[in-house]
Amino acid sequence: MRKRFDVGSRLSEPTYGLGSVIAVEDAYTRIDFDEHGIKKFLTSLARLEHSSEPAPAGARKRKRKTAARKKTTKAKTTKAKTTKAKTTKATDAAMVKAKTAVKAKQAAKAKVKTAKTKKAKETVAKSA
């Protein structure tokens, strides 16, 4: 037996309770439940029963919550850009300083290595 529901008819489902059919597709039925919102069911598997109980009076739809829009003024925007520019300059300066320190350290290591190599060569030349 194939279940068939009309748009607008009232139904009862064991988990979600009472609701109204809002769409009937090929194999699916969309139901707007009084207390649980819209749900989509595979019609052949759903345990839906016709109900004679009317839709609740005064039931209003809940609107989706949206993020409040931020109001920005030119002064705030300019200040933010200036702060960002200062931060960028400071970060760039710190990076240059760090790179310079790394290069100096590498140069010092190379000097020590060169000195050791020269000393080793001199030792070998003296013993030969």
PDB file of N, CA and C in Angstrom:
ATOM      1  N   MET A   1       0.853  -1.183   0.000  1.00  0.00           N
ATOM      2  CA  MET A   1       0.000   0.000   0.000  1.00  0.00           C
ATOM      3  C   MET A   1       0.894   1.239   0.000  1.00  0.00           C
ATOM      4  N   ARG A   2       0.644   2.131  -0.916  1.00  0.00           N
ATOM      5  CA  ARG A   2       1.465   3.336  -1.015  1.00  0.00           C
ATOM      6  C   ARG A   2       0.796   4.481  -0.258  1.00  0.00           C
ATOM      7  N   LYS A   3       1.586   5.173   0.554  1.00  0.00           N
ATOM      8  CA  LYS A   3       1.056   6.299   1.309  1.00  0.00           C
ATOM      9  C   LYS A   3       1.001   7.523   0.402  1.00  0.00           C
ATOM     10  N   ARG A   4      -0.034   8.299   0.513  1.00  0.00           N
ATOM     11  CA  ARG A   4      -0.150   9.528  -0.272  1.00  0.00           C
ATOM     12  C   ARG A   4      -0.713  10.617   0.628  1.00  0.00           C
ATOM     13  N   PHE A   5       0.003  11.726   0.691  1.00  0.00           N
ATOM     14  CA  PHE A   5      -0.429  12.836   1.526  1.00  0.00           C
ATOM     15  C   PHE A   5      -0.550  14.086   0.672  1.00  0.00           C
ATOM     16  N   ASP A   6      -1.534  14.902   0.961  1.00  0.00           N
ATOM     17  CA  ASP A   6      -1.742  16.148   0.224  1.00  0.00           C
ATOM     18  C   ASP A   6      -1.091  17.303   0.979  1.00  0.00           C
ATOM     19  N   VAL A   7      -0.645  18.301   0.224  1.00  0.00           N
ATOM     20  CA  VAL A   7      -0.056  19.493   0.835  1.00  0.00           C
ATOM     21  C   VAL A   7      -1.125  20.164   1.696  1.00  0.00           C
ATOM     22  N   GLY A   8      -0.753  20.503   2.925  1.00  0.00           N
ATOM     23  CA  GLY A   8      -1.677  21.150   3.857  1.00  0.00           C
ATOM     24  C   GLY A   8      -2.351  20.190   4.814  1.00  0.00           C
ATOM     25  N   SER A   9      -2.277  18.885   4.552  1.00  0.00           N
ATOM     26  CA  SER A   9      -2.935  17.939   5.456  1.00  0.00           C
ATOM     27  C   SER A   9      -2.144  17.808   6.749  1.00  0.00           C
ATOM     28  N   ARG A  10      -2.851  17.473   7.816  1.00  0.00           N
ATOM     29  CA  ARG A  10      -2.237  17.344   9.138  1.00  0.00           C
ATOM     30  C   ARG A  10      -1.852  15.886   9.361  1.00  0.00           C
ATOM     31  N   LEU A  11      -0.633  15.689   9.923  1.00  0.00           N
ATOM     32  CA  LEU A  11      -0.123  14.349  10.182  1.00  0.00           C
ATOM     33  C   LEU A  11       0.435  14.265  11.591  1.00  0.00           C
ATOM     34  N   SER A  12       0.611  13.029  12.022  1.00  0.00           N
ATOM     35  CA  SER A  12       1.238  12.770  13.308  1.00  0.00           C
ATOM     36  C   SER A  12       2.378  11.780  13.069  1.00  0.00           C
ATOM     37  N   GLU A  13       3.525  12.069  13.672  1.00  0.00           N
ATOM     38  CA  GLU A  13       4.693  11.198  13.571  1.00  0.00           C
ATOM     39  C   GLU A  13       5.142  10.903  14.990  1.00  0.00           C
ATOM     40  N   PRO A  14       5.488   9.659  15.339  1.00  0.00           N
ATOM     41  CA  PRO A  14       5.788   9.302  16.729  1.00  0.00           C
ATOM     42  C   PRO A  14       6.888  10.136  17.389  1.00  0.00           C
ATOM     43  N   THR A  15       7.931  10.481  16.669  1.00  0.00           N
ATOM     44  CA  THR A  15       9.051  11.211  17.270  1.00  0.00           C
ATOM     45  C   THR A  15       8.791  12.709  17.371  1.00  0.00           C
ATOM     46  N   TYR A  16       8.242  13.306  16.310  1.00  0.00           N
ATOM     47  CA  TYR A  16       8.110  14.758  16.241  1.00  0.00           C
ATOM     48  C   TYR A  16       6.727  15.290  16.550  1.00  0.00           C
ATOM     49  N   GLY A  17       5.733  14.428  16.616  1.00  0.00           N
ATOM     50  CA  GLY A  17       4.389  14.881  16.960  1.00  0.00           C
ATOM     51  C   GLY A  17       3.597  15.340  15.751  1.00  0.00           C
ATOM     52  N   LEU A  18       2.776  16.382  15.950  1.00  0.00           N
ATOM     53  CA  LEU A  18       1.883  16.863  14.907  1.00  0.00           C
ATOM     54  C   LEU A  18       2.574  17.850  13.978  1.00  0.00           C
ATOM     55  N   GLY A  19       2.153  17.800  12.703  1.00  0.00           N
ATOM     56  CA  GLY A  19       2.713  18.726  11.730  1.00  0.00           C
ATOM     57  C   GLY A  19       1.846  18.806  10.487  1.00  0.00           C
ATOM     58  N   SER A  20       2.200  19.747   9.611  1.00  0.00           N
ATOM     59  CA  SER A  20       1.472  19.955   8.362  1.00  0.00           C
ATOM     60  C   SER A  20       2.382  19.633   7.186  1.00  0.00           C
ATOM     61  N   VAL A  21       1.829  18.970   6.169  1.00  0.00           N
ATOM     62  CA  VAL A  21       2.592  18.647   4.968  1.00  0.00           C
ATOM     63  C   VAL A  21       2.799  19.940   4.188  1.00  0.00           C
ATOM     64  N   ILE A  22       4.071  20.237   3.842  1.00  0.00           N
ATOM     65  CA  ILE A  22       4.342  21.446   3.069  1.00  0.00           C
ATOM     66  C   ILE A  22       4.808  21.139   1.657  1.00  0.00           C
ATOM     67  N   ALA A  23       5.277  19.894   1.404  1.00  0.00           N
ATOM     68  CA  ALA A  23       5.698  19.518   0.056  1.00  0.00           C
ATOM     69  C   ALA A  23       5.667  18.012  -0.086  1.00  0.00           C
ATOM     70  N   VAL A  24       5.237  17.558  -1.255  1.00  0.00           N
ATOM     71  CA  VAL A  24       5.244  16.134  -1.573  1.00  0.00           C
ATOM     72  C   VAL A  24       6.055  15.980  -2.852  1.00  0.00           C
ATOM     73  N   GLU A  25       7.175  15.260  -2.747  1.00  0.00           N
ATOM     74  CA  GLU A  25       8.037  15.023  -3.899  1.00  0.00           C
ATOM     75  C   GLU A  25       7.867  13.567  -4.319  1.00  0.00           C
ATOM     76  N   ASP A  26       8.665  13.095  -5.264  1.00  0.00           N
ATOM     77  CA  ASP A  26       8.520  11.719  -5.762  1.00  0.00           C
ATOM     78  C   ASP A  26       8.504  10.698  -4.627  1.00  0.00           C
ATOM     79  N   ALA A  27       9.562  10.669  -3.835  1.00  0.00           N
ATOM     80  CA  ALA A  27       9.675   9.664  -2.779  1.00  0.00           C
ATOM     81  C   ALA A  27       9.723  10.293  -1.387  1.00  0.00           C
ATOM     82  N   TYR A  28       9.693  11.619  -1.330  1.00  0.00           N
ATOM     83  CA  TYR A  28       9.857  12.305  -0.047  1.00  0.00           C
ATOM     84  C   TYR A  28       8.647  13.162   0.289  1.00  0.00           C
ATOM     85  N   THR A  29       8.464  13.364   1.585  1.00  0.00           N
ATOM     86  CA  THR A  29       7.419  14.248   2.081  1.00  0.00           C
ATOM     87  C   THR A  29       8.061  15.205   3.068  1.00  0.00           C
ATOM     88  N   ARG A  30       7.840  16.496   2.892  1.00  0.00           N
ATOM     89  CA  ARG A  30       8.357  17.508   3.834  1.00  0.00           C
ATOM     90  C   ARG A  30       7.220  17.932   4.748  1.00  0.00           C
ATOM     91  N   ILE A  31       7.525  17.915   6.047  1.00  0.00           N
ATOM     92  CA  ILE A  31       6.501  18.231   7.039  1.00  0.00           C
ATOM     93  C   ILE A  31       7.026  19.328   7.960  1.00  0.00           C
ATOM     94  N   ASP A  32       6.173  20.318   8.204  1.00  0.00           N
ATOM     95  CA  ASP A  32       6.514  21.389   9.138  1.00  0.00           C
ATOM     96  C   ASP A  32       5.841  21.043  10.465  1.00  0.00           C
ATOM     97  N   PHE A  33       6.648  20.557  11.409  1.00  0.00           N
ATOM     98  CA  PHE A  33       6.101  20.156  12.703  1.00  0.00           C
ATOM     99  C   PHE A  33       5.873  21.366  13.591  1.00  0.00           C
ATOM    100  N   ASP A  34       4.851  21.262  14.434  1.00  0.00           N
ATOM    101  CA  ASP A  34       4.461  22.374  15.292  1.00  0.00           C
ATOM    102  C   ASP A  34       5.580  22.785  16.245  1.00  0.00           C
ATOM    103  N   GLU A  35       6.327  21.817  16.748  1.00  0.00           N
ATOM    104  CA  GLU A  35       7.348  22.119  17.751  1.00  0.00           C
ATOM    105  C   GLU A  35       8.775  21.819  17.302  1.00  0.00           C
ATOM    106  N   HIS A  36       8.967  21.226  16.122  1.00  0.00           N
ATOM    107  CA  HIS A  36      10.311  20.806  15.713  1.00  0.00           C
ATOM    108  C   HIS A  36      10.756  21.334  14.353  1.00  0.00           C
ATOM    109  N   GLY A  37       9.950  22.158  13.729  1.00  0.00           N
ATOM    110  CA  GLY A  37      10.346  22.731  12.449  1.00  0.00           C
ATOM    111  C   GLY A  37      10.154  21.771  11.292  1.00  0.00           C
ATOM    112  N   ILE A  38      10.834  22.063  10.180  1.00  0.00           N
ATOM    113  CA  ILE A  38      10.653  21.302   8.944  1.00  0.00           C
ATOM    114  C   ILE A  38      11.578  20.086   8.918  1.00  0.00           C
ATOM    115  N   LYS A  39      11.010  18.941   8.560  1.00  0.00           N
ATOM    116  CA  LYS A  39      11.758  17.687   8.436  1.00  0.00           C
ATOM    117  C   LYS A  39      11.384  17.032   7.113  1.00  0.00           C
ATOM    118  N   LYS A  40      12.329  16.290   6.536  1.00  0.00           N
ATOM    119  CA  LYS A  40      12.105  15.600   5.267  1.00  0.00           C
ATOM    120  C   LYS A  40      12.136  14.095   5.520  1.00  0.00           C
ATOM    121  N   PHE A  41      11.105  13.405   5.062  1.00  0.00           N
ATOM    122  CA  PHE A  41      10.979  11.969   5.291  1.00  0.00           C
ATOM    123  C   PHE A  41      10.907  11.207   3.976  1.00  0.00           C
ATOM    124  N   LEU A  42      11.486  10.023   3.951  1.00  0.00           N
ATOM    125  CA  LEU A  42      11.291   9.102   2.846  1.00  0.00           C
ATOM    126  C   LEU A  42       9.900   8.514   3.070  1.00  0.00           C
ATOM    127  N   THR A  43       8.972   8.820   2.199  1.00  0.00           N
ATOM    128  CA  THR A  43       7.555   8.504   2.412  1.00  0.00           C
ATOM    129  C   THR A  43       7.312   7.016   2.654  1.00  0.00           C
ATOM    130  N   SER A  44       8.017   6.156   1.934  1.00  0.00           N
ATOM    131  CA  SER A  44       7.769   4.714   2.071  1.00  0.00           C
ATOM    132  C   SER A  44       8.198   4.172   3.434  1.00  0.00           C
ATOM    133  N   LEU A  45       9.144   4.829   4.100  1.00  0.00           N
ATOM    134  CA  LEU A  45       9.634   4.337   5.390  1.00  0.00           C
ATOM    135  C   LEU A  45       9.074   5.087   6.600  1.00  0.00           C
ATOM    136  N   ALA A  46       8.525   6.248   6.375  1.00  0.00           N
ATOM    137  CA  ALA A  46       8.053   7.078   7.487  1.00  0.00           C
ATOM    138  C   ALA A  46       6.806   6.486   8.137  1.00  0.00           C
ATOM    139  N   ARG A  47       6.721   6.661   9.433  1.00  0.00           N
ATOM    140  CA  ARG A  47       5.548   6.195  10.174  1.00  0.00           C
ATOM    141  C   ARG A  47       4.624   7.390  10.390  1.00  0.00           C
ATOM    142  N   LEU A  48       3.949   7.773   9.342  1.00  0.00           N
ATOM    143  CA  LEU A  48       3.074   8.944   9.369  1.00  0.00           C
ATOM    144  C   LEU A  48       1.617   8.504   9.404  1.00  0.00           C
ATOM    145  N   GLU A  49       0.847   9.170  10.234  1.00  0.00           N
ATOM    146  CA  GLU A  49      -0.583   8.877  10.366  1.00  0.00           C
ATOM    147  C   GLU A  49      -1.362  10.166  10.166  1.00  0.00           C
ATOM    148  N   HIS A  50      -2.494  10.076   9.498  1.00  0.00           N
ATOM    149  CA  HIS A  50      -3.365  11.239   9.326  1.00  0.00           C
ATOM    150  C   HIS A  50      -3.894  11.666  10.689  1.00  0.00           C
ATOM    151  N   SER A  51      -4.053  12.960  10.887  1.00  0.00           N
ATOM    152  CA  SER A  51      -4.562  13.477  12.145  1.00  0.00           C
ATOM    153  C   SER A  51      -5.686  14.458  11.866  1.00  0.00           C
ATOM    154  N   SER A  52      -6.682  14.438  12.726  1.00  0.00           N
ATOM    155  CA  SER A  52      -7.805  15.369  12.567  1.00  0.00           C
ATOM    156  C   SER A  52      -7.612  16.607  13.429  1.00  0.00           C
ATOM    157  N   GLU A  53      -6.530  16.630  14.188  1.00  0.00           N
ATOM    158  CA  GLU A  53      -6.272  17.763  15.068  1.00  0.00           C
ATOM    159  C   GLU A  53      -5.831  18.975  14.241  1.00  0.00           C
ATOM    160  N   PRO A  54      -6.437  20.140  14.464  1.00  0.00           N
ATOM    161  CA  PRO A  54      -6.104  21.324  13.665  1.00  0.00           C
ATOM    162  C   PRO A  54      -4.737  21.913  14.047  1.00  0.00           C
ATOM    163  N   ALA A  55      -4.208  22.737  13.167  1.00  0.00           N
ATOM    164  CA  ALA A  55      -2.941  23.427  13.440  1.00  0.00           C
ATOM    165  C   ALA A  55      -3.145  24.371  14.614  1.00  0.00           C
ATOM    166  N   PRO A  56      -2.129  24.573  15.436  1.00  0.00           N
ATOM    167  CA  PRO A  56      -2.291  25.453  16.588  1.00  0.00           C
ATOM    168  C   PRO A  56      -2.565  26.899  16.154  1.00  0.00           C
ATOM    169  N   ALA A  57      -3.488  27.520  16.863  1.00  0.00           N
ATOM    170  CA  ALA A  57      -3.831  28.908  16.556  1.00  0.00           C
ATOM    171  C   ALA A  57      -2.712  29.819  17.058  1.00  0.00           C
ATOM    172  N   GLY A  58      -2.417  30.817  16.299  1.00  0.00           N
ATOM    173  CA  GLY A  58      -1.393  31.784  16.730  1.00  0.00           C
ATOM    174  C   GLY A  58       0.018  31.263  16.587  1.00  0.00           C
ATOM    175  N   ALA A  59       0.172  30.147  15.907  1.00  0.00           N
ATOM    176  CA  ALA A  59       1.523  29.630  15.717  1.00  0.00           C
ATOM    177  C   ALA A  59       2.232  30.542  14.736  1.00  0.00           C
ATOM    178  N   ARG A  60       3.354  31.051  15.145  1.00  0.00           N
ATOM    179  CA  ARG A  60       4.094  31.937  14.256  1.00  0.00           C
ATOM    180  C   ARG A  60       5.410  31.278  13.888  1.00  0.00           C
ATOM    181  N   LYS A  61       5.863  31.591  12.733  1.00  0.00           N
ATOM    182  CA  LYS A  61       7.110  31.017  12.246  1.00  0.00           C
ATOM    183  C   LYS A  61       8.283  31.722  12.901  1.00  0.00           C
ATOM    184  N   ARG A  62       9.290  30.928  13.228  1.00  0.00           N
ATOM    185  CA  ARG A  62      10.510  31.508  13.776  1.00  0.00           C
ATOM    186  C   ARG A  62      11.389  31.955  12.625  1.00  0.00           C
ATOM    187  N   LYS A  63      11.963  33.121  12.749  1.00  0.00           N
ATOM    188  CA  LYS A  63      12.890  33.590  11.738  1.00  0.00           C
ATOM    189  C   LYS A  63      14.278  33.119  12.106  1.00  0.00           C
ATOM    190  N   ARG A  64      15.083  32.916  11.087  1.00  0.00           N
ATOM    191  CA  ARG A  64      16.463  32.535  11.339  1.00  0.00           C
ATOM    192  C   ARG A  64      17.203  33.703  11.957  1.00  0.00           C
ATOM    193  N   LYS A  65      18.091  33.362  12.853  1.00  0.00           N
ATOM    194  CA  LYS A  65      18.907  34.406  13.461  1.00  0.00           C
ATOM    195  C   LYS A  65      19.973  34.826  12.463  1.00  0.00           C
ATOM    196  N   THR A  66      20.181  36.123  12.365  1.00  0.00           N
ATOM    197  CA  THR A  66      21.234  36.633  11.492  1.00  0.00           C
ATOM    198  C   THR A  66      22.166  37.492  12.325  1.00  0.00           C
ATOM    199  N   ALA A  67      23.396  37.558  11.895  1.00  0.00           N
ATOM    200  CA  ALA A  67      24.382  38.349  12.618  1.00  0.00           C
ATOM    201  C   ALA A  67      24.053  39.825  12.451  1.00  0.00           C
ATOM    202  N   ALA A  68      24.238  40.561  13.522  1.00  0.00           N
ATOM    203  CA  ALA A  68      24.001  41.996  13.475  1.00  0.00           C
ATOM    204  C   ALA A  68      25.061  42.653  12.602  1.00  0.00           C
ATOM    205  N   ARG A  69      24.646  43.602  11.809  1.00  0.00           N
ATOM    206  CA  ARG A  69      25.601  44.294  10.947  1.00  0.00           C
ATOM    207  C   ARG A  69      26.367  45.314  11.759  1.00  0.00           C
ATOM    208  N   LYS A  70      27.655  45.391  11.473  1.00  0.00           N
ATOM    209  CA  LYS A  70      28.490  46.346  12.185  1.00  0.00           C
ATOM    210  C   LYS A  70      28.429  47.687  11.482  1.00  0.00           C
ATOM    211  N   LYS A  71      28.310  48.727  12.281  1.00  0.00           N
ATOM    212  CA  LYS A  71      28.349  50.071  11.727  1.00  0.00           C
ATOM    213  C   LYS A  71      29.759  50.595  11.914  1.00  0.00           C
ATOM    214  N   THR A  72      30.379  50.981  10.819  1.00  0.00           N
ATOM    215  CA  THR A  72      31.730  51.523  10.913  1.00  0.00           C
ATOM    216  C   THR A  72      31.731  52.945  10.393  1.00  0.00           C
ATOM    217  N   THR A  73      32.489  53.752  11.064  1.00  0.00           N
ATOM    218  CA  THR A  73      32.620  55.132  10.614  1.00  0.00           C
ATOM    219  C   THR A  73      33.974  55.294   9.954  1.00  0.00           C
ATOM    220  N   LYS A  74      34.141  56.386   9.232  1.00  0.00           N
ATOM    221  CA  LYS A  74      35.407  56.608   8.548  1.00  0.00           C
ATOM    222  C   LYS A  74      36.560  56.706   9.535  1.00  0.00           C
ATOM    223  N   ALA A  75      36.318  57.369  10.642  1.00  0.00           N
ATOM    224  CA  ALA A  75      37.388  57.557  11.628  1.00  0.00           C
ATOM    225  C   ALA A  75      37.885  56.210  12.136  1.00  0.00           C
ATOM    226  N   LYS A  76      36.966  55.309  12.440  1.00  0.00           N
ATOM    227  CA  LYS A  76      37.364  53.995  12.942  1.00  0.00           C
ATOM    228  C   LYS A  76      38.118  53.217  11.874  1.00  0.00           C
ATOM    229  N   THR A  77      37.644  53.285  10.650  1.00  0.00           N
ATOM    230  CA  THR A  77      38.288  52.571   9.555  1.00  0.00           C
ATOM    231  C   THR A  77      39.696  53.092   9.325  1.00  0.00           C
ATOM    232  N   THR A  78      39.853  54.406   9.326  1.00  0.00           N
ATOM    233  CA  THR A  78      41.166  55.013   9.124  1.00  0.00           C
ATOM    234  C   THR A  78      42.105  54.617  10.247  1.00  0.00           C
ATOM    235  N   LYS A  79      41.592  54.637  11.473  1.00  0.00           N
ATOM    236  CA  LYS A  79      42.416  54.270  12.623  1.00  0.00           C
ATOM    237  C   LYS A  79      42.864  52.818  12.507  1.00  0.00           C
ATOM    238  N   ALA A  80      41.957  51.963  12.086  1.00  0.00           N
ATOM    239  CA  ALA A  80      42.297  50.547  11.937  1.00  0.00           C
ATOM    240  C   ALA A  80      43.376  50.364  10.876  1.00  0.00           C
ATOM    241  N   LYS A  81      43.264  51.073   9.755  1.00  0.00           N
ATOM    242  CA  LYS A  81      44.266  50.969   8.699  1.00  0.00           C
ATOM    243  C   LYS A  81      45.619  51.460   9.185  1.00  0.00           C
ATOM    244  N   THR A  82      45.619  52.574   9.928  1.00  0.00           N
ATOM    245  CA  THR A  82      46.865  53.128  10.449  1.00  0.00           C
ATOM    246  C   THR A  82      47.520  52.156  11.410  1.00  0.00           C
ATOM    247  N   THR A  83      46.733  51.580  12.297  1.00  0.00           N
ATOM    248  CA  THR A  83      47.255  50.613  13.253  1.00  0.00           C
ATOM    249  C   THR A  83      47.821  49.398  12.528  1.00  0.00           C
ATOM    250  N   LYS A  84      47.114  48.962  11.492  1.00  0.00           N
ATOM    251  CA  LYS A  84      47.576  47.808  10.730  1.00  0.00           C
ATOM    252  C   LYS A  84      48.891  48.129  10.037  1.00  0.00           C
ATOM    253  N   ALA A  85      48.999  49.336   9.486  1.00  0.00           N
ATOM    254  CA  ALA A  85      50.231  49.741   8.809  1.00  0.00           C
ATOM    255  C   ALA A  85      51.397  49.782   9.793  1.00  0.00           C
ATOM    256  N   LYS A  86      51.157  50.318  10.984  1.00  0.00           N
ATOM    257  CA  LYS A  86      52.210  50.377  12.006  1.00  0.00           C
ATOM    258  C   LYS A  86      52.643  48.970  12.399  1.00  0.00           C
ATOM    259  N   THR A  87      51.662  48.097  12.581  1.00  0.00           N
ATOM    260  CA  THR A  87      51.961  46.716  12.960  1.00  0.00           C
ATOM    261  C   THR A  87      52.780  46.034  11.872  1.00  0.00           C
ATOM    262  N   THR A  88      52.406  46.271  10.627  1.00  0.00           N
ATOM    263  CA  THR A  88      53.130  45.672   9.509  1.00  0.00           C
ATOM    264  C   THR A  88      54.559  46.177   9.473  1.00  0.00           C
ATOM    265  N   LYS A  89      54.748  47.482   9.661  1.00  0.00           N
ATOM    266  CA  LYS A  89      56.099  48.060   9.659  1.00  0.00           C
ATOM    267  C   LYS A  89      56.929  47.464  10.782  1.00  0.00           C
ATOM    268  N   ALA A  90      56.331  47.345  11.966  1.00  0.00           N
ATOM    269  CA  ALA A  90      57.051  46.796  13.115  1.00  0.00           C
ATOM    270  C   ALA A  90      57.429  45.335  12.849  1.00  0.00           C
ATOM    271  N   THR A  91      56.515  44.599  12.267  1.00  0.00           N
ATOM    272  CA  THR A  91      56.780  43.186  11.957  1.00  0.00           C
ATOM    273  C   THR A  91      57.894  43.073  10.925  1.00  0.00           C
ATOM    274  N   ASP A  92      57.840  43.919   9.895  1.00  0.00           N
ATOM    275  CA  ASP A  92      58.888  43.909   8.870  1.00  0.00           C
ATOM    276  C   ASP A  92      60.246  44.226   9.476  1.00  0.00           C
ATOM    277  N   ALA A  93      60.291  45.232  10.348  1.00  0.00           N
ATOM    278  CA  ALA A  93      61.551  45.614  10.991  1.00  0.00           C
ATOM    279  C   ALA A  93      62.095  44.462  11.836  1.00  0.00           C
ATOM    280  N   ALA A  94      61.223  43.787  12.549  1.00  0.00           N
ATOM    281  CA  ALA A  94      61.642  42.660  13.382  1.00  0.00           C
ATOM    282  C   ALA A  94      62.182  41.523  12.517  1.00  0.00           C
ATOM    283  N   MET A  95      61.548  41.295  11.376  1.00  0.00           N
ATOM    284  CA  MET A  95      62.016  40.228  10.481  1.00  0.00           C
ATOM    285  C   MET A  95      63.395  40.560   9.910  1.00  0.00           C
ATOM    286  N   VAL A  96      63.603  41.823   9.524  1.00  0.00           N
ATOM    287  CA  VAL A  96      64.906  42.237   8.993  1.00  0.00           C
ATOM    288  C   VAL A  96      65.976  42.065  10.057  1.00  0.00           C
ATOM    289  N   LYS A  97      65.651  42.450  11.279  1.00  0.00           N
ATOM    290  CA  LYS A  97      66.597  42.332  12.390  1.00  0.00           C
ATOM    291  C   LYS A  97      66.948  40.863  12.642  1.00  0.00           C
ATOM    292  N   ALA A  98      65.935  40.001  12.598  1.00  0.00           N
ATOM    293  CA  ALA A  98      66.165  38.569  12.826  1.00  0.00           C
ATOM    294  C   ALA A  98      67.020  37.974  11.710  1.00  0.00           C
ATOM    295  N   LYS A  99      66.750  38.361  10.465  1.00  0.00           N
ATOM    296  CA  LYS A  99      67.546  37.862   9.343  1.00  0.00           C
ATOM    297  C   LYS A  99      68.996  38.302   9.462  1.00  0.00           C
ATOM    298  N   THR A 100      69.207  39.563   9.880  1.00  0.00           N
ATOM    299  CA  THR A 100      70.563  40.084  10.045  1.00  0.00           C
ATOM    300  C   THR A 100      71.303  39.299  11.118  1.00  0.00           C
ATOM    301  N   ALA A 101      70.619  39.000  12.217  1.00  0.00           N
ATOM    302  CA  ALA A 101      71.235  38.244  13.305  1.00  0.00           C
ATOM    303  C   ALA A 101      71.611  36.839  12.831  1.00  0.00           C
ATOM    304  N   VAL A 102      70.754  36.226  12.041  1.00  0.00           N
ATOM    305  CA  VAL A 102      71.027  34.885  11.527  1.00  0.00           C
ATOM    306  C   VAL A 102      72.239  34.919  10.606  1.00  0.00           C
ATOM    307  N   LYS A 103      72.304  35.919   9.731  1.00  0.00           N
ATOM    308  CA  LYS A 103      73.440  36.036   8.814  1.00  0.00           C
ATOM    309  C   LYS A 103      74.740  36.245   9.580  1.00  0.00           C
ATOM    310  N   ALA A 104      74.701  37.075  10.627  1.00  0.00           N
ATOM    311  CA  ALA A 104      75.896  37.324  11.436  1.00  0.00           C
ATOM    312  C   ALA A 104      76.360  36.028  12.113  1.00  0.00           C
ATOM    313  N   LYS A 105      75.412  35.261  12.619  1.00  0.00           N
ATOM    314  CA  LYS A 105      75.741  34.005  13.285  1.00  0.00           C
ATOM    315  C   LYS A 105      76.368  33.020  12.294  1.00  0.00           C
ATOM    316  N   GLN A 106      75.789  32.967  11.076  1.00  0.00           N
ATOM    317  CA  GLN A 106      76.321  32.082  10.047  1.00  0.00           C
ATOM    318  C   GLN A 106      77.736  32.502   9.638  1.00  0.00           C
ATOM    319  N   ALA A 107      77.969  33.815   9.555  1.00  0.00           N
ATOM    320  CA  ALA A 107      79.291  34.321   9.191  1.00  0.00           C
ATOM    321  C   ALA A 107      80.313  33.950  10.263  1.00  0.00           C
ATOM    322  N   ALA A 108      79.904  34.052  11.535  1.00  0.00           N
ATOM    323  CA  ALA A 108      80.808  33.705  12.631  1.00  0.00           C
ATOM    324  C   ALA A 108      81.167  32.217  12.584  1.00  0.00           C
ATOM    325  N   LYS A 109      80.187  31.381  12.318  1.00  0.00           N
ATOM    326  CA  LYS A 109      80.444  29.938  12.218  1.00  0.00           C
ATOM    327  C   LYS A 109      81.386  29.637  11.067  1.00  0.00           C
ATOM    328  N   ALA A 110      81.178  30.319   9.944  1.00  0.00           N
ATOM    329  CA  ALA A 110      82.041  30.106   8.779  1.00  0.00           C
ATOM    330  C   ALA A 110      83.486  30.524   9.086  1.00  0.00           C
ATOM    331  N   LYS A 111      83.659  31.620   9.837  1.00  0.00           N
ATOM    332  CA  LYS A 111      84.989  32.100  10.215  1.00  0.00           C
ATOM    333  C   LYS A 111      85.698  31.064  11.078  1.00  0.00           C
ATOM    334  N   VAL A 112      84.973  30.523  12.061  1.00  0.00           N
ATOM    335  CA  VAL A 112      85.550  29.522  12.956  1.00  0.00           C
ATOM    336  C   VAL A 112      85.938  28.283  12.156  1.00  0.00           C
ATOM    337  N   LYS A 113      85.076  27.867  11.247  1.00  0.00           N
ATOM    338  CA  LYS A 113      85.331  26.690  10.438  1.00  0.00           C
ATOM    339  C   LYS A 113      86.564  26.905   9.555  1.00  0.00           C
ATOM    340  N   THR A 114      86.667  28.079   8.966  1.00  0.00           N
ATOM    341  CA  THR A 114      87.815  28.408   8.121  1.00  0.00           C
ATOM    342  C   THR A 114      89.098  28.393   8.941  1.00  0.00           C
ATOM    343  N   ALA A 115      89.047  28.965  10.141  1.00  0.00           N
ATOM    344  CA  ALA A 115      90.225  29.000  11.022  1.00  0.00           C
ATOM    345  C   ALA A 115      90.658  27.582  11.389  1.00  0.00           C
ATOM    346  N   LYS A 116      89.687  26.725  11.684  1.00  0.00           N
ATOM    347  CA  LYS A 116      90.001  25.339  12.044  1.00  0.00           C
ATOM    348  C   LYS A 116      90.637  24.616  10.860  1.00  0.00           C
ATOM    349  N   THR A 117      90.104  24.851   9.682  1.00  0.00           N
ATOM    350  CA  THR A 117      90.632  24.217   8.475  1.00  0.00           C
ATOM    351  C   THR A 117      92.072  24.658   8.216  1.00  0.00           C
ATOM    352  N   LYS A 118      92.340  25.969   8.363  1.00  0.00           N
ATOM    353  CA  LYS A 118      93.700  26.495   8.165  1.00  0.00           C
ATOM    354  C   LYS A 118      94.662  25.879   9.165  1.00  0.00           C
ATOM    355  N   LYS A 119      94.212  25.801  10.407  1.00  0.00           N
ATOM    356  CA  LYS A 119      95.064  25.264  11.466  1.00  0.00           C
ATOM    357  C   LYS A 119      95.372  23.796  11.195  1.00  0.00           C
ATOM    358  N   ALA A 120      94.355  23.038  10.722  1.00  0.00           N
ATOM    359  CA  ALA A 120      94.534  21.622  10.404  1.00  0.00           C
ATOM    360  C   ALA A 120      95.514  21.463   9.248  1.00  0.00           C
ATOM    361  N   LYS A 121      95.423  22.310   8.249  1.00  0.00           N
ATOM    362  CA  LYS A 121      96.316  22.260   7.108  1.00  0.00           C
ATOM    363  C   LYS A 121      97.764  22.560   7.522  1.00  0.00           C
ATOM    364  N   GLU A 122      97.918  23.537   8.407  1.00  0.00           N
ATOM    365  CA  GLU A 122      99.261  23.898   8.884  1.00  0.00           C
ATOM    366  C   GLU A 122      99.867  22.754   9.665  1.00  0.00           C
ATOM    367  N   THR A 123      99.052  22.094  10.478  1.00  0.00           N
ATOM    368  CA  THR A 123      99.520  20.973  11.287  1.00  0.00           C
ATOM    369  C   THR A 123      99.967  19.837  10.353  1.00  0.00           C
ATOM    370  N   VAL A 124      99.212  19.559   9.331  1.00  0.00           N
ATOM    371  CA  VAL A 124      99.547  18.499   8.389  1.00  0.00           C
ATOM    372  C   VAL A 124     100.843  18.862   7.635  1.00  0.00           C
ATOM    373  N   ALA A 125     100.962  20.129   7.266  1.00  0.00           N
ATOM    374  CA  ALA A 125     102.161  20.577   6.515  1.00  0.00           C
ATOM    375  C   ALA A 125     103.412  20.486   7.385  1.00  0.00           C
ATOM    376  N   LYS A 126     103.310  20.793   8.651  1.00  0.00           N
ATOM    377  CA  LYS A 126     104.463  20.726   9.581  1.00  0.00           C
ATOM    378  C   LYS A 126     104.889  19.287   9.808  1.00  0.00           C
ATOM    379  N   SER A 127     103.950  18.383   9.938  1.00  0.00           N
ATOM    380  CA  SER A 127     104.287  16.983  10.223  1.00  0.00           C
ATOM    381  C   SER A 127     104.793  16.259   8.987  1.00  0.00           C
ATOM    382  N   ALA A 128     104.550  16.799   7.818  1.00  0.00           N
ATOM    383  CA  ALA A 128     105.005  16.129   6.583  1.00  0.00           C
ATOM    384  C   ALA A 128     106.419  16.435   6.244  1.00  0.00           C
TER     385      ALA A 128
END
